[in-house]
Amino acid sequence: MFNKRAFAVQLNAAYLAALTLALATVEGGSIVNGSFETPVVPIGGFNNYPAGSTAITGWTVVGVDSSVVNGSFTQAGITFQAQNGNQWIDLAGVTSNSSSSGVTQNIATTIGGVYQLSFYVGSATGGGIFFPATVDLSINGGARVSYFNSTGPTNMLNWKLFTVQFTATSAATTITFYNGSASNNFLSALDNVSVEAVVGCACPGDMNGDGLKNGLDIQQFTDCMIIGGSCICAEMDGTWGLTGADITAFVVDLLNAATCP
């Protein structure tokens, strides 16, 4: 039987204060400037940024160059409209069309947390230089994976949504997009990049997976609060990100001897 008195002693005021302080380091993923809306580029035009530039808010350019494009830009009879907002990025840039070109960003993640990365790839066909496009993705320096949008209309961009799930292995995860299009294709359009945590647990609070919520779960729950780890079942309040609300819900369940579904 669960000993309420013993549990209350374990979670004394000092202990809870330490847990609350540790929560500041437990975060969910979030992309900054995922639609490339800053800096603002000329209406009907674009700005090109060289490797190493951090002028695109939240992103660092890699390779040779990449260009932020205004959604009213036109060329070869094509209107290059944004998928979201007013701007998007052409990873191919304008000077080299190098496959090494792209942008990278580090996001805060929780070790063991599962995340869904979403992004759109834009394609068009025209002028002998624009063809259906490919964007490559690398997570934490891993192998590049190609995402190809085969639909390339001749008058506008077609945007296709791709989603990728990954499990965080550290407190920061590096997301890098590269120009994956062929060398004769000056289009590798990317827009509306976002990351969301995938929260799911059959029995929140059952940290050891034995189908019970009891004192045997306390240590692992505490470890999640302090150092991270496999923490999906520590998400007690139905929202992503470990907070004081999760501690409260965990304590209430234990004191009330709540059962798993």
C-alpha atoms as a PDB file:
ATOM      1  CA  MET A   1       0.000   0.000   0.000  1.00  0.00           C
ATOM      2  CA  PHE A   2       1.204   3.509  -0.794  1.00  0.00           C
ATOM      3  CA  ASN A   3       2.537   5.322   2.297  1.00  0.00           C
ATOM      4  CA  LYS A   4       1.227   8.892   2.144  1.00  0.00           C
ATOM      5  CA  ARG A   5       3.299  10.046   5.093  1.00  0.00           C
ATOM      6  CA  ALA A   6       6.552   8.739   3.614  1.00  0.00           C
ATOM      7  CA  PHE A   7       5.804  10.410   0.316  1.00  0.00           C
ATOM      8  CA  ALA A   8       5.051  13.748   1.991  1.00  0.00           C
ATOM      9  CA  VAL A   9       8.415  13.609   3.733  1.00  0.00           C
ATOM     10  CA  GLN A  10      10.195  12.968   0.437  1.00  0.00           C
ATOM     11  CA  LEU A  11       8.584  15.945  -1.237  1.00  0.00           C
ATOM     12  CA  ASN A  12       9.425  18.541   1.362  1.00  0.00           C
ATOM     13  CA  ALA A  13       9.626  22.252   0.606  1.00  0.00           C
ATOM     14  CA  ALA A  14      13.358  22.272  -0.162  1.00  0.00           C
ATOM     15  CA  TYR A  15      13.003  19.327  -2.495  1.00  0.00           C
ATOM     16  CA  LEU A  16      10.187  20.970  -4.430  1.00  0.00           C
ATOM     17  CA  ALA A  17      12.213  24.170  -4.684  1.00  0.00           C
ATOM     18  CA  ALA A  18      15.040  22.228  -6.299  1.00  0.00           C
ATOM     19  CA  LEU A  19      12.635  20.652  -8.750  1.00  0.00           C
ATOM     20  CA  THR A  20      11.133  24.007  -9.657  1.00  0.00           C
ATOM     21  CA  LEU A  21      14.588  25.457 -10.307  1.00  0.00           C
ATOM     22  CA  ALA A  22      15.438  22.521 -12.561  1.00  0.00           C
ATOM     23  CA  LEU A  23      12.332  23.085 -14.657  1.00  0.00           C
ATOM     24  CA  ALA A  24      13.931  26.129 -16.244  1.00  0.00           C
ATOM     25  CA  THR A  25      16.121  23.774 -18.304  1.00  0.00           C
ATOM     26  CA  VAL A  26      13.310  21.500 -19.505  1.00  0.00           C
ATOM     27  CA  GLU A  27      11.929  22.895 -22.740  1.00  0.00           C
ATOM     28  CA  GLY A  28       9.982  21.945 -25.836  1.00  0.00           C
ATOM     29  CA  GLY A  29      11.186  22.560 -29.374  1.00  0.00           C
ATOM     30  CA  SER A  30      10.422  25.831 -31.128  1.00  0.00           C
ATOM     31  CA  ILE A  31      11.634  27.165 -34.477  1.00  0.00           C
ATOM     32  CA  VAL A  32      12.456  30.870 -34.645  1.00  0.00           C
ATOM     33  CA  ASN A  33      11.385  32.717 -37.818  1.00  0.00           C
ATOM     34  CA  GLY A  34      10.139  29.543 -39.500  1.00  0.00           C
ATOM     35  CA  SER A  35       8.483  31.505 -42.329  1.00  0.00           C
ATOM     36  CA  PHE A  36      11.539  33.701 -42.938  1.00  0.00           C
ATOM     37  CA  GLU A  37       9.617  36.918 -42.355  1.00  0.00           C
ATOM     38  CA  THR A  38      12.641  38.775 -40.970  1.00  0.00           C
ATOM     39  CA  PRO A  39      14.595  40.580 -42.176  1.00  0.00           C
ATOM     40  CA  VAL A  40      12.062  42.143 -44.551  1.00  0.00           C
ATOM     41  CA  VAL A  41      13.296  42.086 -48.156  1.00  0.00           C
ATOM     42  CA  PRO A  42      12.230  44.455 -50.957  1.00  0.00           C
ATOM     43  CA  ILE A  43       8.681  43.967 -52.272  1.00  0.00           C
ATOM     44  CA  GLY A  44       8.887  42.026 -55.511  1.00  0.00           C
ATOM     45  CA  GLY A  45      12.537  41.209 -54.879  1.00  0.00           C
ATOM     46  CA  PHE A  46      14.933  39.195 -52.731  1.00  0.00           C
ATOM     47  CA  ASN A  47      18.078  39.476 -50.627  1.00  0.00           C
ATOM     48  CA  ASN A  48      20.966  37.048 -50.898  1.00  0.00           C
ATOM     49  CA  TYR A  49      22.922  36.055 -47.799  1.00  0.00           C
ATOM     50  CA  PRO A  50      26.421  34.485 -47.830  1.00  0.00           C
ATOM     51  CA  ALA A  51      27.656  31.557 -45.761  1.00  0.00           C
ATOM     52  CA  GLY A  52      28.081  32.434 -42.107  1.00  0.00           C
ATOM     53  CA  SER A  53      25.466  35.179 -42.189  1.00  0.00           C
ATOM     54  CA  THR A  54      23.112  35.383 -39.218  1.00  0.00           C
ATOM     55  CA  ALA A  55      21.037  38.182 -40.758  1.00  0.00           C
ATOM     56  CA  ILE A  56      18.079  35.823 -41.264  1.00  0.00           C
ATOM     57  CA  THR A  57      16.626  35.907 -37.770  1.00  0.00           C
ATOM     58  CA  GLY A  58      17.173  32.605 -35.953  1.00  0.00           C
ATOM     59  CA  TRP A  59      19.116  31.019 -38.807  1.00  0.00           C
ATOM     60  CA  THR A  60      22.749  30.737 -39.923  1.00  0.00           C
ATOM     61  CA  VAL A  61      23.532  30.364 -43.628  1.00  0.00           C
ATOM     62  CA  VAL A  62      25.778  27.426 -44.532  1.00  0.00           C
ATOM     63  CA  GLY A  63      27.541  26.423 -47.742  1.00  0.00           C
ATOM     64  CA  VAL A  64      27.755  29.350 -50.174  1.00  0.00           C
ATOM     65  CA  ASP A  65      24.571  31.416 -50.087  1.00  0.00           C
ATOM     66  CA  SER A  66      20.767  31.377 -49.773  1.00  0.00           C
ATOM     67  CA  SER A  67      18.123  33.978 -50.629  1.00  0.00           C
ATOM     68  CA  VAL A  68      15.039  35.259 -48.803  1.00  0.00           C
ATOM     69  CA  VAL A  69      12.388  36.007 -51.436  1.00  0.00           C
ATOM     70  CA  ASN A  70       9.344  38.276 -51.330  1.00  0.00           C
ATOM     71  CA  GLY A  71       6.108  36.543 -52.303  1.00  0.00           C
ATOM     72  CA  SER A  72       5.353  38.969 -55.120  1.00  0.00           C
ATOM     73  CA  PHE A  73       8.643  38.271 -56.914  1.00  0.00           C
ATOM     74  CA  THR A  74       8.116  37.139 -60.543  1.00  0.00           C
ATOM     75  CA  GLN A  75      10.446  35.634 -63.137  1.00  0.00           C
ATOM     76  CA  ALA A  76       9.934  33.541 -66.275  1.00  0.00           C
ATOM     77  CA  GLY A  77       6.170  34.020 -65.980  1.00  0.00           C
ATOM     78  CA  ILE A  78       6.134  32.526 -62.475  1.00  0.00           C
ATOM     79  CA  THR A  79       4.844  34.274 -59.355  1.00  0.00           C
ATOM     80  CA  PHE A  80       6.883  32.993 -56.428  1.00  0.00           C
ATOM     81  CA  GLN A  81       4.275  33.399 -53.681  1.00  0.00           C
ATOM     82  CA  ALA A  82       4.994  32.403 -50.089  1.00  0.00           C
ATOM     83  CA  GLN A  83       3.273  29.449 -48.475  1.00  0.00           C
ATOM     84  CA  ASN A  84       2.867  31.385 -45.243  1.00  0.00           C
ATOM     85  CA  GLY A  85       3.291  35.089 -44.604  1.00  0.00           C
ATOM     86  CA  ASN A  86       5.057  37.281 -47.159  1.00  0.00           C
ATOM     87  CA  GLN A  87       8.455  35.633 -47.617  1.00  0.00           C
ATOM     88  CA  TRP A  88      10.189  32.303 -48.130  1.00  0.00           C
ATOM     89  CA  ILE A  89      13.763  31.112 -48.635  1.00  0.00           C
ATOM     90  CA  ASP A  90      15.468  29.755 -51.748  1.00  0.00           C
ATOM     91  CA  LEU A  91      18.207  27.530 -50.395  1.00  0.00           C
ATOM     92  CA  ALA A  92      19.874  27.475 -53.824  1.00  0.00           C
ATOM     93  CA  GLY A  93      20.799  31.158 -53.547  1.00  0.00           C
ATOM     94  CA  VAL A  94      21.720  33.174 -56.626  1.00  0.00           C
ATOM     95  CA  THR A  95      25.484  32.920 -57.024  1.00  0.00           C
ATOM     96  CA  SER A  96      26.415  29.240 -56.993  1.00  0.00           C
ATOM     97  CA  ASN A  97      23.394  26.922 -56.784  1.00  0.00           C
ATOM     98  CA  SER A  98      25.591  24.817 -54.521  1.00  0.00           C
ATOM     99  CA  SER A  99      24.283  21.657 -52.890  1.00  0.00           C
ATOM    100  CA  SER A 100      26.188  22.720 -49.772  1.00  0.00           C
ATOM    101  CA  SER A 101      24.047  25.836 -49.375  1.00  0.00           C
ATOM    102  CA  GLY A 102      21.265  26.085 -46.831  1.00  0.00           C
ATOM    103  CA  VAL A 103      20.351  27.279 -43.354  1.00  0.00           C
ATOM    104  CA  THR A 104      20.708  25.815 -39.879  1.00  0.00           C
ATOM    105  CA  GLN A 105      19.180  26.460 -36.455  1.00  0.00           C
ATOM    106  CA  ASN A 106      19.568  24.973 -32.969  1.00  0.00           C
ATOM    107  CA  ILE A 107      16.391  24.407 -30.970  1.00  0.00           C
ATOM    108  CA  ALA A 108      15.952  23.558 -27.296  1.00  0.00           C
ATOM    109  CA  THR A 109      14.693  20.007 -26.771  1.00  0.00           C
ATOM    110  CA  THR A 110      14.098  17.613 -23.908  1.00  0.00           C
ATOM    111  CA  ILE A 111      16.180  14.436 -23.920  1.00  0.00           C
ATOM    112  CA  GLY A 112      13.925  11.540 -24.891  1.00  0.00           C
ATOM    113  CA  GLY A 113      11.191  13.864 -26.148  1.00  0.00           C
ATOM    114  CA  VAL A 114       9.534  13.062 -29.469  1.00  0.00           C
ATOM    115  CA  TYR A 115       9.097  15.974 -31.872  1.00  0.00           C
ATOM    116  CA  GLN A 116       7.391  16.509 -35.212  1.00  0.00           C
ATOM    117  CA  LEU A 117       9.137  18.784 -37.693  1.00  0.00           C
ATOM    118  CA  SER A 118       6.918  20.204 -40.451  1.00  0.00           C
ATOM    119  CA  PHE A 119       7.952  22.216 -43.509  1.00  0.00           C
ATOM    120  CA  TYR A 120       6.870  23.026 -47.058  1.00  0.00           C
ATOM    121  CA  VAL A 121       8.844  22.549 -50.278  1.00  0.00           C
ATOM    122  CA  GLY A 122       7.910  24.769 -53.242  1.00  0.00           C
ATOM    123  CA  SER A 123       8.201  23.787 -56.913  1.00  0.00           C
ATOM    124  CA  ALA A 124       7.689  25.508 -60.256  1.00  0.00           C
ATOM    125  CA  THR A 125       8.773  25.012 -63.870  1.00  0.00           C
ATOM    126  CA  GLY A 126       9.942  27.706 -66.268  1.00  0.00           C
ATOM    127  CA  GLY A 127      12.701  29.616 -67.981  1.00  0.00           C
ATOM    128  CA  GLY A 128      14.940  26.585 -68.353  1.00  0.00           C
ATOM    129  CA  ILE A 129      16.276  27.224 -64.825  1.00  0.00           C
ATOM    130  CA  PHE A 130      13.363  26.347 -62.557  1.00  0.00           C
ATOM    131  CA  PHE A 131      12.216  22.750 -62.128  1.00  0.00           C
ATOM    132  CA  PRO A 132      10.395  20.683 -59.462  1.00  0.00           C
ATOM    133  CA  ALA A 133      12.457  21.202 -56.338  1.00  0.00           C
ATOM    134  CA  THR A 134      14.118  19.183 -53.614  1.00  0.00           C
ATOM    135  CA  VAL A 135      15.030  20.200 -50.072  1.00  0.00           C
ATOM    136  CA  ASP A 136      17.420  18.079 -48.011  1.00  0.00           C
ATOM    137  CA  LEU A 137      17.139  17.793 -44.240  1.00  0.00           C
ATOM    138  CA  SER A 138      19.794  16.845 -41.685  1.00  0.00           C
ATOM    139  CA  ILE A 139      19.074  16.506 -37.968  1.00  0.00           C
ATOM    140  CA  ASN A 140      22.017  16.808 -35.569  1.00  0.00           C
ATOM    141  CA  GLY A 141      24.517  16.426 -38.379  1.00  0.00           C
ATOM    142  CA  GLY A 142      23.048  13.119 -39.512  1.00  0.00           C
ATOM    143  CA  ALA A 143      22.676  11.919 -43.081  1.00  0.00           C
ATOM    144  CA  ARG A 144      20.829  14.224 -45.461  1.00  0.00           C
ATOM    145  CA  VAL A 145      17.339  13.031 -46.424  1.00  0.00           C
ATOM    146  CA  SER A 146      15.730  14.415 -49.587  1.00  0.00           C
ATOM    147  CA  TYR A 147      12.162  15.736 -49.831  1.00  0.00           C
ATOM    148  CA  PHE A 148      11.000  16.205 -53.419  1.00  0.00           C
ATOM    149  CA  ASN A 149       7.932  18.090 -54.618  1.00  0.00           C
ATOM    150  CA  SER A 150       7.187  16.696 -58.077  1.00  0.00           C
ATOM    151  CA  THR A 151       4.418  19.191 -58.908  1.00  0.00           C
ATOM    152  CA  GLY A 152       5.919  22.200 -60.694  1.00  0.00           C
ATOM    153  CA  PRO A 153       3.335  24.489 -62.349  1.00  0.00           C
ATOM    154  CA  THR A 154       4.471  27.087 -64.881  1.00  0.00           C
ATOM    155  CA  ASN A 155       2.761  30.126 -63.364  1.00  0.00           C
ATOM    156  CA  MET A 156       3.247  29.863 -59.595  1.00  0.00           C
ATOM    157  CA  LEU A 157       4.839  27.870 -56.806  1.00  0.00           C
ATOM    158  CA  ASN A 158       3.192  24.664 -55.671  1.00  0.00           C
ATOM    159  CA  TRP A 159       3.855  24.032 -51.989  1.00  0.00           C
ATOM    160  CA  LYS A 160       3.932  20.522 -50.535  1.00  0.00           C
ATOM    161  CA  LEU A 161       3.910  19.708 -46.811  1.00  0.00           C
ATOM    162  CA  PHE A 162       6.382  17.234 -45.325  1.00  0.00           C
ATOM    163  CA  THR A 163       6.511  16.018 -41.711  1.00  0.00           C
ATOM    164  CA  VAL A 164       9.340  14.222 -39.931  1.00  0.00           C
ATOM    165  CA  GLN A 165       9.410  12.810 -36.394  1.00  0.00           C
ATOM    166  CA  PHE A 166      12.593  12.596 -34.342  1.00  0.00           C
ATOM    167  CA  THR A 167      13.566  11.800 -30.776  1.00  0.00           C
ATOM    168  CA  ALA A 168      15.810  14.311 -29.049  1.00  0.00           C
ATOM    169  CA  THR A 169      19.091  12.922 -27.758  1.00  0.00           C
ATOM    170  CA  SER A 170      20.323  16.147 -26.176  1.00  0.00           C
ATOM    171  CA  ALA A 171      19.120  19.434 -24.727  1.00  0.00           C
ATOM    172  CA  ALA A 172      19.712  21.141 -28.096  1.00  0.00           C
ATOM    173  CA  THR A 173      18.912  19.728 -31.528  1.00  0.00           C
ATOM    174  CA  THR A 174      20.379  21.088 -34.771  1.00  0.00           C
ATOM    175  CA  ILE A 175      18.026  21.373 -37.743  1.00  0.00           C
ATOM    176  CA  THR A 176      19.722  21.997 -41.114  1.00  0.00           C
ATOM    177  CA  PHE A 177      18.067  22.397 -44.514  1.00  0.00           C
ATOM    178  CA  TYR A 178      20.122  22.145 -47.700  1.00  0.00           C
ATOM    179  CA  ASN A 179      19.588  22.806 -51.383  1.00  0.00           C
ATOM    180  CA  GLY A 180      18.799  19.314 -52.667  1.00  0.00           C
ATOM    181  CA  SER A 181      17.858  20.233 -56.238  1.00  0.00           C
ATOM    182  CA  ALA A 182      19.847  19.258 -59.325  1.00  0.00           C
ATOM    183  CA  SER A 183      22.726  21.495 -60.412  1.00  0.00           C
ATOM    184  CA  ASN A 184      20.687  22.944 -63.308  1.00  0.00           C
ATOM    185  CA  ASN A 185      17.763  23.827 -61.043  1.00  0.00           C
ATOM    186  CA  PHE A 186      17.929  27.236 -59.368  1.00  0.00           C
ATOM    187  CA  LEU A 187      15.001  26.514 -57.094  1.00  0.00           C
ATOM    188  CA  SER A 188      14.991  24.910 -53.662  1.00  0.00           C
ATOM    189  CA  ALA A 189      12.084  26.670 -51.991  1.00  0.00           C
ATOM    190  CA  LEU A 190      11.419  26.262 -48.259  1.00  0.00           C
ATOM    191  CA  ASP A 191       8.744  27.874 -46.072  1.00  0.00           C
ATOM    192  CA  ASN A 192       6.667  27.532 -42.904  1.00  0.00           C
ATOM    193  CA  VAL A 193       9.055  25.434 -40.804  1.00  0.00           C
ATOM    194  CA  SER A 194       7.710  24.420 -37.405  1.00  0.00           C
ATOM    195  CA  VAL A 195       8.390  21.933 -34.609  1.00  0.00           C
ATOM    196  CA  GLU A 196       5.857  20.523 -32.166  1.00  0.00           C
ATOM    197  CA  ALA A 197       6.342  18.112 -29.320  1.00  0.00           C
ATOM    198  CA  VAL A 198       4.493  14.804 -29.662  1.00  0.00           C
ATOM    199  CA  VAL A 199       2.977  14.188 -26.249  1.00  0.00           C
ATOM    200  CA  GLY A 200       1.541  10.780 -25.537  1.00  0.00           C
ATOM    201  CA  CYS A 201       1.488   8.292 -22.688  1.00  0.00           C
ATOM    202  CA  ALA A 202      -0.991   5.517 -21.952  1.00  0.00           C
ATOM    203  CA  CYS A 203      -0.895   6.329 -18.222  1.00  0.00           C
ATOM    204  CA  PRO A 204       0.696   9.663 -17.265  1.00  0.00           C
ATOM    205  CA  GLY A 205       2.518   9.260 -13.972  1.00  0.00           C
ATOM    206  CA  ASP A 206       3.278   5.563 -14.470  1.00  0.00           C
ATOM    207  CA  MET A 207       6.972   6.219 -14.996  1.00  0.00           C
ATOM    208  CA  ASN A 208       8.189   2.622 -14.870  1.00  0.00           C
ATOM    209  CA  GLY A 209       5.445   1.220 -17.106  1.00  0.00           C
ATOM    210  CA  ASP A 210       4.147  -1.345 -14.646  1.00  0.00           C
ATOM    211  CA  GLY A 211       0.521  -0.233 -15.013  1.00  0.00           C
ATOM    212  CA  LEU A 212       0.454   1.384 -11.560  1.00  0.00           C
ATOM    213  CA  LYS A 213       0.935   4.883 -10.197  1.00  0.00           C
ATOM    214  CA  ASN A 214       2.699   4.536  -6.852  1.00  0.00           C
ATOM    215  CA  GLY A 215       5.842   5.286  -4.896  1.00  0.00           C
ATOM    216  CA  LEU A 216       7.963   3.259  -7.314  1.00  0.00           C
ATOM    217  CA  ASP A 217       7.460   6.034  -9.894  1.00  0.00           C
ATOM    218  CA  ILE A 218       8.804   8.865  -7.730  1.00  0.00           C
ATOM    219  CA  GLN A 219      12.516   8.516  -8.531  1.00  0.00           C
ATOM    220  CA  GLN A 220      12.107   8.471 -12.312  1.00  0.00           C
ATOM    221  CA  PHE A 221       9.664  11.377 -12.179  1.00  0.00           C
ATOM    222  CA  THR A 222      12.204  13.330 -10.126  1.00  0.00           C
ATOM    223  CA  ASP A 223      14.990  12.463 -12.583  1.00  0.00           C
ATOM    224  CA  CYS A 224      12.887  13.838 -15.430  1.00  0.00           C
ATOM    225  CA  MET A 225      12.453  17.126 -13.602  1.00  0.00           C
ATOM    226  CA  ILE A 226      16.148  17.474 -12.820  1.00  0.00           C
ATOM    227  CA  ILE A 227      18.115  15.872 -15.671  1.00  0.00           C
ATOM    228  CA  GLY A 228      15.606  14.879 -18.368  1.00  0.00           C
ATOM    229  CA  GLY A 229      15.429  11.460 -19.990  1.00  0.00           C
ATOM    230  CA  SER A 230      12.469   9.375 -21.120  1.00  0.00           C
ATOM    231  CA  CYS A 231       9.862  11.811 -19.823  1.00  0.00           C
ATOM    232  CA  ILE A 232       6.704  11.502 -21.924  1.00  0.00           C
ATOM    233  CA  CYS A 233       4.830   9.975 -18.966  1.00  0.00           C
ATOM    234  CA  ALA A 234       5.916  12.859 -16.730  1.00  0.00           C
ATOM    235  CA  GLU A 235       3.655  15.130 -18.799  1.00  0.00           C
ATOM    236  CA  MET A 236       0.786  15.082 -16.323  1.00  0.00           C
ATOM    237  CA  ASP A 237      -1.231  18.181 -17.249  1.00  0.00           C
ATOM    238  CA  GLY A 238      -1.793  17.460 -20.958  1.00  0.00           C
ATOM    239  CA  THR A 239       0.508  20.208 -22.244  1.00  0.00           C
ATOM    240  CA  TRP A 240       4.085  19.932 -23.457  1.00  0.00           C
ATOM    241  CA  GLY A 241       6.863  21.146 -21.200  1.00  0.00           C
ATOM    242  CA  LEU A 242       7.499  20.015 -17.633  1.00  0.00           C
ATOM    243  CA  THR A 243       6.248  22.633 -15.151  1.00  0.00           C
ATOM    244  CA  GLY A 244       5.013  22.951 -11.589  1.00  0.00           C
ATOM    245  CA  ALA A 245       1.579  21.911 -12.844  1.00  0.00           C
ATOM    246  CA  ASP A 246       2.987  18.454 -13.658  1.00  0.00           C
ATOM    247  CA  ILE A 247       4.424  18.150 -10.158  1.00  0.00           C
ATOM    248  CA  THR A 248       1.088  19.061  -8.608  1.00  0.00           C
ATOM    249  CA  ALA A 249      -0.823  16.576 -10.765  1.00  0.00           C
ATOM    250  CA  PHE A 250       1.706  13.831 -10.012  1.00  0.00           C
ATOM    251  CA  VAL A 251       1.446  14.401  -6.255  1.00  0.00           C
ATOM    252  CA  VAL A 252      -2.358  14.495  -6.336  1.00  0.00           C
ATOM    253  CA  ASP A 253      -2.531  11.209  -8.256  1.00  0.00           C
ATOM    254  CA  LEU A 254      -0.217   9.483  -5.801  1.00  0.00           C
ATOM    255  CA  LEU A 255      -1.995  10.798  -2.728  1.00  0.00           C
ATOM    256  CA  ASN A 256      -5.338   9.708  -4.146  1.00  0.00           C
ATOM    257  CA  ALA A 257      -3.975   6.327  -5.258  1.00  0.00           C
ATOM    258  CA  ALA A 258      -5.168   7.065  -8.810  1.00  0.00           C
ATOM    259  CA  THR A 259      -5.234   4.069 -11.122  1.00  0.00           C
ATOM    260  CA  CYS A 260      -4.229   3.649 -14.746  1.00  0.00           C
ATOM    261  CA  PRO A 261      -6.993   3.413 -17.397  1.00  0.00           C
END
